[in-house]
Amino acid sequence: GRMAGLSELDKRILAFEQSWWQFPGAKEREILEVFGIPVTRYYQLLNVLIDRPEASEFDPVLVARLRRQRSRRHGIRSARPE
């Protein structure tokens, strides 16, 4: 059975977000090499993914951090970090 409804790709994206800083070079290039999808598509998938409860269950700390980063990027000041 599939664990908590996350696809293989979902899990790979979360694992990548946790470890991409270990790779030399630009993150964008790594995304293309690792996933073979455009960077814009990758971030679309990531944004949907971190809103899913399954992702929080899979890696609560990482997902919380990614949500905070997204809030900062969008300049949403009303969304205070916990």
PDB file of N, CA and C in Angstrom:
ATOM      1  N   GLY A   1       0.817  -1.203   0.000  1.00  0.00           N
ATOM      2  CA  GLY A   1       0.000   0.000   0.000  1.00  0.00           C
ATOM      3  C   GLY A   1       0.851   1.253   0.000  1.00  0.00           C
ATOM      4  N   ARG A   2       0.276   2.340  -0.496  1.00  0.00           N
ATOM      5  CA  ARG A   2       1.034   3.588  -0.525  1.00  0.00           C
ATOM      6  C   ARG A   2       0.958   4.269   0.828  1.00  0.00           C
ATOM      7  N   MET A   3       2.106   4.628   1.345  1.00  0.00           N
ATOM      8  CA  MET A   3       2.162   5.214   2.670  1.00  0.00           C
ATOM      9  C   MET A   3       1.514   6.591   2.683  1.00  0.00           C
ATOM     10  N   ALA A   4       0.467   6.738   3.479  1.00  0.00           N
ATOM     11  CA  ALA A   4      -0.176   8.037   3.728  1.00  0.00           C
ATOM     12  C   ALA A   4      -0.545   8.781   2.443  1.00  0.00           C
ATOM     13  N   GLY A   5      -0.714   8.046   1.355  1.00  0.00           N
ATOM     14  CA  GLY A   5      -1.196   8.685   0.138  1.00  0.00           C
ATOM     15  C   GLY A   5      -0.183   9.544  -0.612  1.00  0.00           C
ATOM     16  N   LEU A   6       1.086   9.530  -0.200  1.00  0.00           N
ATOM     17  CA  LEU A   6       2.094  10.276  -0.944  1.00  0.00           C
ATOM     18  C   LEU A   6       2.630   9.402  -2.079  1.00  0.00           C
ATOM     19  N   SER A   7       2.756   9.988  -3.251  1.00  0.00           N
ATOM     20  CA  SER A   7       3.317   9.236  -4.368  1.00  0.00           C
ATOM     21  C   SER A   7       4.830   9.161  -4.223  1.00  0.00           C
ATOM     22  N   GLU A   8       5.428   8.322  -5.050  1.00  0.00           N
ATOM     23  CA  GLU A   8       6.881   8.201  -5.065  1.00  0.00           C
ATOM     24  C   GLU A   8       7.515   9.569  -5.369  1.00  0.00           C
ATOM     25  N   LEU A   9       6.914  10.276  -6.323  1.00  0.00           N
ATOM     26  CA  LEU A   9       7.421  11.604  -6.687  1.00  0.00           C
ATOM     27  C   LEU A   9       7.317  12.573  -5.513  1.00  0.00           C
ATOM     28  N   ASP A  10       6.176  12.544  -4.827  1.00  0.00           N
ATOM     29  CA  ASP A  10       5.990  13.406  -3.656  1.00  0.00           C
ATOM     30  C   ASP A  10       7.117  13.197  -2.644  1.00  0.00           C
ATOM     31  N   LYS A  11       7.400  11.919  -2.364  1.00  0.00           N
ATOM     32  CA  LYS A  11       8.433  11.608  -1.380  1.00  0.00           C
ATOM     33  C   LYS A  11       9.805  12.045  -1.866  1.00  0.00           C
ATOM     34  N   ARG A  12      10.040  11.899  -3.165  1.00  0.00           N
ATOM     35  CA  ARG A  12      11.330  12.329  -3.719  1.00  0.00           C
ATOM     36  C   ARG A  12      11.484  13.844  -3.628  1.00  0.00           C
ATOM     37  N   ILE A  13      10.389  14.563  -3.856  1.00  0.00           N
ATOM     38  CA  ILE A  13      10.443  16.021  -3.753  1.00  0.00           C
ATOM     39  C   ILE A  13      10.773  16.433  -2.319  1.00  0.00           C
ATOM     40  N   LEU A  14      10.115  15.816  -1.347  1.00  0.00           N
ATOM     41  CA  LEU A  14      10.381  16.151   0.051  1.00  0.00           C
ATOM     42  C   LEU A  14      11.821  15.806   0.429  1.00  0.00           C
ATOM     43  N   ALA A  15      12.289  14.650  -0.021  1.00  0.00           N
ATOM     44  CA  ALA A  15      13.669  14.255   0.267  1.00  0.00           C
ATOM     45  C   ALA A  15      14.651  15.233  -0.365  1.00  0.00           C
ATOM     46  N   PHE A  16      14.318  15.680  -1.573  1.00  0.00           N
ATOM     47  CA  PHE A  16      15.176  16.629  -2.275  1.00  0.00           C
ATOM     48  C   PHE A  16      15.235  17.964  -1.534  1.00  0.00           C
ATOM     49  N   GLU A  17      14.084  18.439  -1.074  1.00  0.00           N
ATOM     50  CA  GLU A  17      14.040  19.705  -0.342  1.00  0.00           C
ATOM     51  C   GLU A  17      14.864  19.628   0.944  1.00  0.00           C
ATOM     52  N   GLN A  18      14.938  18.427   1.498  1.00  0.00           N
ATOM     53  CA  GLN A  18      15.688  18.264   2.729  1.00  0.00           C
ATOM     54  C   GLN A  18      17.191  18.238   2.465  1.00  0.00           C
ATOM     55  N   SER A  19      17.574  17.803   1.285  1.00  0.00           N
ATOM     56  CA  SER A  19      18.998  17.539   1.062  1.00  0.00           C
ATOM     57  C   SER A  19      19.630  18.313  -0.078  1.00  0.00           C
ATOM     58  N   TRP A  20      18.856  19.149  -0.793  1.00  0.00           N
ATOM     59  CA  TRP A  20      19.417  19.749  -2.000  1.00  0.00           C
ATOM     60  C   TRP A  20      20.628  20.615  -1.713  1.00  0.00           C
ATOM     61  N   TRP A  21      20.690  21.215  -0.538  1.00  0.00           N
ATOM     62  CA  TRP A  21      21.816  22.094  -0.191  1.00  0.00           C
ATOM     63  C   TRP A  21      23.128  21.336  -0.095  1.00  0.00           C
ATOM     64  N   GLN A  22      23.045  20.005  -0.049  1.00  0.00           N
ATOM     65  CA  GLN A  22      24.276  19.209  -0.022  1.00  0.00           C
ATOM     66  C   GLN A  22      24.909  19.109  -1.409  1.00  0.00           C
ATOM     67  N   PHE A  23      24.114  19.393  -2.438  1.00  0.00           N
ATOM     68  CA  PHE A  23      24.637  19.301  -3.797  1.00  0.00           C
ATOM     69  C   PHE A  23      25.403  20.565  -4.157  1.00  0.00           C
ATOM     70  N   PRO A  24      26.520  20.412  -4.870  1.00  0.00           N
ATOM     71  CA  PRO A  24      27.161  21.609  -5.404  1.00  0.00           C
ATOM     72  C   PRO A  24      26.323  22.154  -6.553  1.00  0.00           C
ATOM     73  N   GLY A  25      26.429  23.438  -6.799  1.00  0.00           N
ATOM     74  CA  GLY A  25      25.748  23.986  -7.970  1.00  0.00           C
ATOM     75  C   GLY A  25      24.362  24.520  -7.668  1.00  0.00           C
ATOM     76  N   ALA A  26      23.732  25.000  -8.711  1.00  0.00           N
ATOM     77  CA  ALA A  26      22.448  25.670  -8.572  1.00  0.00           C
ATOM     78  C   ALA A  26      21.329  24.665  -8.331  1.00  0.00           C
ATOM     79  N   LYS A  27      20.398  25.052  -7.492  1.00  0.00           N
ATOM     80  CA  LYS A  27      19.250  24.197  -7.198  1.00  0.00           C
ATOM     81  C   LYS A  27      18.438  23.930  -8.461  1.00  0.00           C
ATOM     82  N   GLU A  28      18.285  24.980  -9.303  1.00  0.00           N
ATOM     83  CA  GLU A  28      17.497  24.823 -10.531  1.00  0.00           C
ATOM     84  C   GLU A  28      18.055  23.726 -11.423  1.00  0.00           C
ATOM     85  N   ARG A  29      19.385  23.690 -11.525  1.00  0.00           N
ATOM     86  CA  ARG A  29      19.998  22.673 -12.369  1.00  0.00           C
ATOM     87  C   ARG A  29      19.795  21.275 -11.778  1.00  0.00           C
ATOM     88  N   GLU A  30      19.897  21.198 -10.442  1.00  0.00           N
ATOM     89  CA  GLU A  30      19.667  19.920  -9.774  1.00  0.00           C
ATOM     90  C   GLU A  30      18.246  19.412 -10.027  1.00  0.00           C
ATOM     91  N   ILE A  31      17.279  20.320  -9.973  1.00  0.00           N
ATOM     92  CA  ILE A  31      15.886  19.933 -10.203  1.00  0.00           C
ATOM     93  C   ILE A  31      15.732  19.316 -11.586  1.00  0.00           C
ATOM     94  N   LEU A  32      16.330  19.965 -12.588  1.00  0.00           N
ATOM     95  CA  LEU A  32      16.252  19.433 -13.950  1.00  0.00           C
ATOM     96  C   LEU A  32      16.918  18.068 -14.052  1.00  0.00           C
ATOM     97  N   GLU A  33      18.085  17.929 -13.400  1.00  0.00           N
ATOM     98  CA  GLU A  33      18.815  16.664 -13.487  1.00  0.00           C
ATOM     99  C   GLU A  33      18.110  15.550 -12.728  1.00  0.00           C
ATOM    100  N   VAL A  34      17.642  15.873 -11.517  1.00  0.00           N
ATOM    101  CA  VAL A  34      17.052  14.844 -10.661  1.00  0.00           C
ATOM    102  C   VAL A  34      15.652  14.443 -11.127  1.00  0.00           C
ATOM    103  N   PHE A  35      14.836  15.448 -11.475  1.00  0.00           N
ATOM    104  CA  PHE A  35      13.430  15.177 -11.765  1.00  0.00           C
ATOM    105  C   PHE A  35      13.082  15.218 -13.245  1.00  0.00           C
ATOM    106  N   GLY A  36      13.903  15.907 -14.032  1.00  0.00           N
ATOM    107  CA  GLY A  36      13.631  16.010 -15.455  1.00  0.00           C
ATOM    108  C   GLY A  36      12.352  16.781 -15.770  1.00  0.00           C
ATOM    109  N   ILE A  37      11.988  17.708 -14.891  1.00  0.00           N
ATOM    110  CA  ILE A  37      10.820  18.556 -15.145  1.00  0.00           C
ATOM    111  C   ILE A  37      11.243  20.014 -15.005  1.00  0.00           C
ATOM    112  N   PRO A  38      10.526  20.940 -15.651  1.00  0.00           N
ATOM    113  CA  PRO A  38      10.874  22.362 -15.532  1.00  0.00           C
ATOM    114  C   PRO A  38      10.762  22.830 -14.086  1.00  0.00           C
ATOM    115  N   VAL A  39      11.576  23.803 -13.745  1.00  0.00           N
ATOM    116  CA  VAL A  39      11.608  24.315 -12.377  1.00  0.00           C
ATOM    117  C   VAL A  39      10.242  24.862 -11.951  1.00  0.00           C
ATOM    118  N   THR A  40       9.556  25.549 -12.876  1.00  0.00           N
ATOM    119  CA  THR A  40       8.241  26.105 -12.536  1.00  0.00           C
ATOM    120  C   THR A  40       7.267  24.991 -12.161  1.00  0.00           C
ATOM    121  N   ARG A  41       7.334  23.885 -12.913  1.00  0.00           N
ATOM    122  CA  ARG A  41       6.472  22.730 -12.624  1.00  0.00           C
ATOM    123  C   ARG A  41       6.821  22.129 -11.265  1.00  0.00           C
ATOM    124  N   TYR A  42       8.102  22.058 -10.988  1.00  0.00           N
ATOM    125  CA  TYR A  42       8.559  21.519  -9.710  1.00  0.00           C
ATOM    126  C   TYR A  42       7.959  22.314  -8.549  1.00  0.00           C
ATOM    127  N   TYR A  43       8.037  23.647  -8.656  1.00  0.00           N
ATOM    128  CA  TYR A  43       7.523  24.477  -7.562  1.00  0.00           C
ATOM    129  C   TYR A  43       6.005  24.412  -7.455  1.00  0.00           C
ATOM    130  N   GLN A  44       5.324  24.226  -8.587  1.00  0.00           N
ATOM    131  CA  GLN A  44       3.872  24.006  -8.532  1.00  0.00           C
ATOM    132  C   GLN A  44       3.564  22.754  -7.720  1.00  0.00           C
ATOM    133  N   LEU A  45       4.278  21.678  -8.033  1.00  0.00           N
ATOM    134  CA  LEU A  45       4.071  20.417  -7.317  1.00  0.00           C
ATOM    135  C   LEU A  45       4.394  20.586  -5.833  1.00  0.00           C
ATOM    136  N   LEU A  46       5.494  21.279  -5.555  1.00  0.00           N
ATOM    137  CA  LEU A  46       5.914  21.469  -4.173  1.00  0.00           C
ATOM    138  C   LEU A  46       4.867  22.256  -3.386  1.00  0.00           C
ATOM    139  N   ASN A  47       4.327  23.313  -3.990  1.00  0.00           N
ATOM    140  CA  ASN A  47       3.337  24.138  -3.308  1.00  0.00           C
ATOM    141  C   ASN A  47       2.073  23.368  -2.975  1.00  0.00           C
ATOM    142  N   VAL A  48       1.634  22.531  -3.887  1.00  0.00           N
ATOM    143  CA  VAL A  48       0.458  21.695  -3.628  1.00  0.00           C
ATOM    144  C   VAL A  48       0.792  20.683  -2.533  1.00  0.00           C
ATOM    145  N   LEU A  49       1.976  20.131  -2.643  1.00  0.00           N
ATOM    146  CA  LEU A  49       2.403  19.077  -1.730  1.00  0.00           C
ATOM    147  C   LEU A  49       2.455  19.542  -0.277  1.00  0.00           C
ATOM    148  N   ILE A  50       3.014  20.731  -0.036  1.00  0.00           N
ATOM    149  CA  ILE A  50       3.181  21.162   1.363  1.00  0.00           C
ATOM    150  C   ILE A  50       1.871  21.609   2.008  1.00  0.00           C
ATOM    151  N   ASP A  51       0.804  21.697   1.211  1.00  0.00           N
ATOM    152  CA  ASP A  51      -0.516  21.968   1.783  1.00  0.00           C
ATOM    153  C   ASP A  51      -1.239  20.688   2.182  1.00  0.00           C
ATOM    154  N   ARG A  52      -0.668  19.553   1.827  1.00  0.00           N
ATOM    155  CA  ARG A  52      -1.350  18.286   2.114  1.00  0.00           C
ATOM    156  C   ARG A  52      -0.986  17.742   3.487  1.00  0.00           C
ATOM    157  N   PRO A  53      -1.994  17.278   4.230  1.00  0.00           N
ATOM    158  CA  PRO A  53      -1.721  16.725   5.567  1.00  0.00           C
ATOM    159  C   PRO A  53      -0.750  15.551   5.520  1.00  0.00           C
ATOM    160  N   GLU A  54      -0.785  14.772   4.430  1.00  0.00           N
ATOM    161  CA  GLU A  54       0.121  13.627   4.334  1.00  0.00           C
ATOM    162  C   GLU A  54       1.580  14.069   4.356  1.00  0.00           C
ATOM    163  N   ALA A  55       1.848  15.222   3.739  1.00  0.00           N
ATOM    164  CA  ALA A  55       3.216  15.724   3.719  1.00  0.00           C
ATOM    165  C   ALA A  55       3.659  16.114   5.129  1.00  0.00           C
ATOM    166  N   SER A  56       2.745  16.738   5.868  1.00  0.00           N
ATOM    167  CA  SER A  56       3.054  17.109   7.253  1.00  0.00           C
ATOM    168  C   SER A  56       3.334  15.888   8.108  1.00  0.00           C
ATOM    169  N   GLU A  57       2.580  14.830   7.891  1.00  0.00           N
ATOM    170  CA  GLU A  57       2.803  13.598   8.636  1.00  0.00           C
ATOM    171  C   GLU A  57       4.145  12.991   8.272  1.00  0.00           C
ATOM    172  N   PHE A  58       4.480  13.075   6.991  1.00  0.00           N
ATOM    173  CA  PHE A  58       5.710  12.482   6.480  1.00  0.00           C
ATOM    174  C   PHE A  58       6.936  13.187   7.055  1.00  0.00           C
ATOM    175  N   ASP A  59       6.911  14.501   7.081  1.00  0.00           N
ATOM    176  CA  ASP A  59       8.051  15.281   7.596  1.00  0.00           C
ATOM    177  C   ASP A  59       7.578  16.648   8.101  1.00  0.00           C
ATOM    178  N   PRO A  60       7.049  16.678   9.343  1.00  0.00           N
ATOM    179  CA  PRO A  60       6.426  17.895   9.866  1.00  0.00           C
ATOM    180  C   PRO A  60       7.375  19.092   9.908  1.00  0.00           C
ATOM    181  N   VAL A  61       8.629  18.855  10.296  1.00  0.00           N
ATOM    182  CA  VAL A  61       9.585  19.951  10.445  1.00  0.00           C
ATOM    183  C   VAL A  61       9.888  20.590   9.092  1.00  0.00           C
ATOM    184  N   LEU A  62      10.154  19.741   8.114  1.00  0.00           N
ATOM    185  CA  LEU A  62      10.469  20.232   6.773  1.00  0.00           C
ATOM    186  C   LEU A  62       9.292  21.002   6.183  1.00  0.00           C
ATOM    187  N   VAL A  63       8.100  20.435   6.287  1.00  0.00           N
ATOM    188  CA  VAL A  63       6.917  21.067   5.693  1.00  0.00           C
ATOM    189  C   VAL A  63       6.633  22.413   6.348  1.00  0.00           C
ATOM    190  N   ALA A  64       6.798  22.489   7.665  1.00  0.00           N
ATOM    191  CA  ALA A  64       6.596  23.760   8.365  1.00  0.00           C
ATOM    192  C   ALA A  64       7.588  24.808   7.867  1.00  0.00           C
ATOM    193  N   ARG A  65       8.835  24.378   7.654  1.00  0.00           N
ATOM    194  CA  ARG A  65       9.854  25.304   7.176  1.00  0.00           C
ATOM    195  C   ARG A  65       9.540  25.794   5.758  1.00  0.00           C
ATOM    196  N   LEU A  66       9.107  24.871   4.898  1.00  0.00           N
ATOM    197  CA  LEU A  66       8.786  25.230   3.524  1.00  0.00           C
ATOM    198  C   LEU A  66       7.595  26.188   3.467  1.00  0.00           C
ATOM    199  N   ARG A  67       6.620  25.964   4.350  1.00  0.00           N
ATOM    200  CA  ARG A  67       5.466  26.870   4.395  1.00  0.00           C
ATOM    201  C   ARG A  67       5.885  28.271   4.828  1.00  0.00           C
ATOM    202  N   ARG A  68       6.784  28.332   5.813  1.00  0.00           N
ATOM    203  CA  ARG A  68       7.270  29.644   6.256  1.00  0.00           C
ATOM    204  C   ARG A  68       8.029  30.340   5.138  1.00  0.00           C
ATOM    205  N   GLN A  69       8.866  29.603   4.425  1.00  0.00           N
ATOM    206  CA  GLN A  69       9.613  30.183   3.304  1.00  0.00           C
ATOM    207  C   GLN A  69       8.658  30.731   2.257  1.00  0.00           C
ATOM    208  N   ARG A  70       7.607  29.970   1.971  1.00  0.00           N
ATOM    209  CA  ARG A  70       6.638  30.402   0.975  1.00  0.00           C
ATOM    210  C   ARG A  70       5.928  31.674   1.422  1.00  0.00           C
ATOM    211  N   SER A  71       5.567  31.746   2.697  1.00  0.00           N
ATOM    212  CA  SER A  71       4.911  32.940   3.222  1.00  0.00           C
ATOM    213  C   SER A  71       5.808  34.151   3.062  1.00  0.00           C
ATOM    214  N   ARG A  72       7.085  33.975   3.374  1.00  0.00           N
ATOM    215  CA  ARG A  72       8.035  35.078   3.220  1.00  0.00           C
ATOM    216  C   ARG A  72       8.139  35.502   1.768  1.00  0.00           C
ATOM    217  N   ARG A  73       8.233  34.518   0.854  1.00  0.00           N
ATOM    218  CA  ARG A  73       8.360  34.832  -0.567  1.00  0.00           C
ATOM    219  C   ARG A  73       7.181  35.644  -1.053  1.00  0.00           C
ATOM    220  N   HIS A  74       5.983  35.293  -0.596  1.00  0.00           N
ATOM    221  CA  HIS A  74       4.789  35.977  -1.052  1.00  0.00           C
ATOM    222  C   HIS A  74       4.546  37.261  -0.261  1.00  0.00           C
ATOM    223  N   GLY A  75       5.405  37.503   0.725  1.00  0.00           N
ATOM    224  CA  GLY A  75       5.271  38.718   1.503  1.00  0.00           C
ATOM    225  C   GLY A  75       3.991  38.782   2.304  1.00  0.00           C
ATOM    226  N   ILE A  76       3.535  37.614   2.725  1.00  0.00           N
ATOM    227  CA  ILE A  76       2.314  37.588   3.541  1.00  0.00           C
ATOM    228  C   ILE A  76       2.700  37.843   4.995  1.00  0.00           C
ATOM    229  N   ARG A  77       2.542  39.082   5.425  1.00  0.00           N
ATOM    230  CA  ARG A  77       2.979  39.425   6.767  1.00  0.00           C
ATOM    231  C   ARG A  77       1.965  38.979   7.818  1.00  0.00           C
ATOM    232  N   SER A  78       0.729  38.805   7.390  1.00  0.00           N
ATOM    233  CA  SER A  78      -0.304  38.438   8.353  1.00  0.00           C
ATOM    234  C   SER A  78      -0.102  37.006   8.844  1.00  0.00           C
ATOM    235  N   ALA A  79       0.569  36.181   8.043  1.00  0.00           N
ATOM    236  CA  ALA A  79       0.807  34.789   8.444  1.00  0.00           C
ATOM    237  C   ALA A  79       2.035  34.729   9.349  1.00  0.00           C
ATOM    238  N   ARG A  80       1.793  34.859  10.632  1.00  0.00           N
ATOM    239  CA  ARG A  80       2.889  34.813  11.590  1.00  0.00           C
ATOM    240  C   ARG A  80       3.352  33.370  11.783  1.00  0.00           C
ATOM    241  N   PRO A  81       4.667  33.149  11.789  1.00  0.00           N
ATOM    242  CA  PRO A  81       5.167  31.786  12.102  1.00  0.00           C
ATOM    243  C   PRO A  81       4.753  31.408  13.525  1.00  0.00           C
ATOM    244  N   GLU A  82       4.450  30.152  13.717  1.00  0.00           N
ATOM    245  CA  GLU A  82       4.004  29.698  15.043  1.00  0.00           C
ATOM    246  C   GLU A  82       5.081  30.058  16.082  1.00  0.00           C
TER     247      GLU A  82
END
